[in-house]
């Protein structure tokens, strides 16, 4: 199964709430190793209320993998987050 078909299959299984939450989230790359969830939240709350910050970490070392997911209260705030400079946001 190619990745496009796999994504469609997973997408069709998502509940309405999960689909809405997905629209309210952004992926953030280029997160400095020393950055923690609190500091990242402080930066991104400038565009709107942040519901959750998840920094991806190495399971063995616990070290930041330099990427994170930020979940906002609304899709509008997530779109505004795309304008934040200094990070790769999508």
Protein backbone atom coordinates (compact mmCIF):
# COMPACT_ATOMS: atom_id res chain seq x y z
CA UNK A 1 0.00 0.00 0.00
CA UNK A 2 1.51 3.34 -0.97
CA UNK A 3 1.67 6.21 1.51
CA UNK A 4 -1.14 8.19 -0.14
CA UNK A 5 -3.62 5.31 0.09
CA UNK A 6 -2.48 4.57 3.65
CA UNK A 7 -3.05 8.20 4.65
CA UNK A 8 -6.55 8.17 3.12
CA UNK A 9 -7.39 4.98 5.01
CA UNK A 10 -6.23 6.44 8.31
CA UNK A 11 -7.96 9.75 7.58
CA UNK A 12 -11.28 8.03 6.91
CA UNK A 13 -11.09 6.38 10.34
CA UNK A 14 -10.62 9.61 12.25
CA UNK A 15 -13.56 10.88 14.23
CA UNK A 16 -14.91 14.35 13.56
CA UNK A 17 -13.25 15.61 16.76
CA UNK A 18 -9.89 14.13 15.77
CA UNK A 19 -10.14 15.76 12.34
CA UNK A 20 -10.84 19.13 13.95
CA UNK A 21 -7.91 18.70 16.36
CA UNK A 22 -5.66 17.82 13.43
CA UNK A 23 -6.59 21.14 11.77
CA UNK A 24 -5.71 22.98 14.99
CA UNK A 25 -2.19 21.52 15.15
CA UNK A 26 1.07 22.49 13.50
CA UNK A 27 4.35 20.63 13.11
CA UNK A 28 7.41 22.60 14.20
CA UNK A 29 10.93 21.77 13.05
CA UNK A 30 14.31 23.32 13.89
CA UNK A 31 13.52 23.29 17.62
CA UNK A 32 16.79 23.94 19.51
CA UNK A 33 18.00 21.04 21.67
CA UNK A 34 17.80 23.17 24.83
CA UNK A 35 14.16 24.20 24.18
CA UNK A 36 11.52 22.76 26.52
CA UNK A 37 7.71 22.63 26.30
CA UNK A 38 7.21 25.69 28.50
CA UNK A 39 9.52 27.92 26.41
CA UNK A 40 7.99 26.70 23.16
CA UNK A 41 4.51 27.40 24.52
CA UNK A 42 5.59 30.93 25.49
CA UNK A 43 6.71 31.60 21.90
CA UNK A 44 3.63 30.18 20.19
CA UNK A 45 1.02 31.64 22.52
CA UNK A 46 1.77 34.97 20.85
CA UNK A 47 -0.59 33.85 18.04
CA UNK A 48 -3.30 32.37 20.26
CA UNK A 49 -4.08 30.04 23.16
CA UNK A 50 -2.00 26.85 23.11
CA UNK A 51 -3.76 23.65 24.23
CA UNK A 52 -0.79 21.29 24.11
CA UNK A 53 2.91 21.21 23.24
CA UNK A 54 4.56 17.89 22.43
CA UNK A 55 8.30 17.87 21.79
CA UNK A 56 9.40 14.62 20.17
CA UNK A 57 12.18 12.96 22.16
CA UNK A 58 14.52 10.03 21.70
CA UNK A 59 13.17 7.13 23.78
CA UNK A 60 16.60 5.97 24.86
CA UNK A 61 18.26 9.29 25.69
CA UNK A 62 15.27 11.57 26.26
CA UNK A 63 16.96 14.13 24.05
CA UNK A 64 14.85 16.55 22.01
CA UNK A 65 14.60 15.44 18.34
CA UNK A 66 14.37 19.10 17.27
CA UNK A 67 10.69 18.86 16.30
CA UNK A 68 7.36 19.30 18.03
CA UNK A 69 3.61 19.51 17.60
CA UNK A 70 1.66 22.50 18.89
CA UNK A 71 -2.12 22.24 19.30
CA UNK A 72 -4.17 25.43 19.43
CA UNK A 73 -7.77 26.13 20.43
CA UNK A 74 -8.78 26.86 16.84
CA UNK A 75 -7.72 26.39 13.25
CA UNK A 76 -7.28 30.17 12.90
CA UNK A 77 -4.56 30.23 15.57
CA UNK A 78 -2.81 27.27 13.91
CA UNK A 79 -2.78 29.16 10.60
CA UNK A 80 -1.37 32.24 12.35
CA UNK A 81 1.43 30.08 13.78
CA UNK A 82 2.73 29.55 10.23
CA UNK A 83 3.99 33.14 10.35
CA UNK A 84 6.31 32.64 13.35
CA UNK A 85 9.94 33.17 12.37
CA UNK A 86 12.90 31.09 13.52
CA UNK A 87 11.23 27.68 13.21
CA UNK A 88 10.13 25.47 10.36
CA UNK A 89 6.33 25.46 10.86
CA UNK A 90 3.84 23.54 8.72
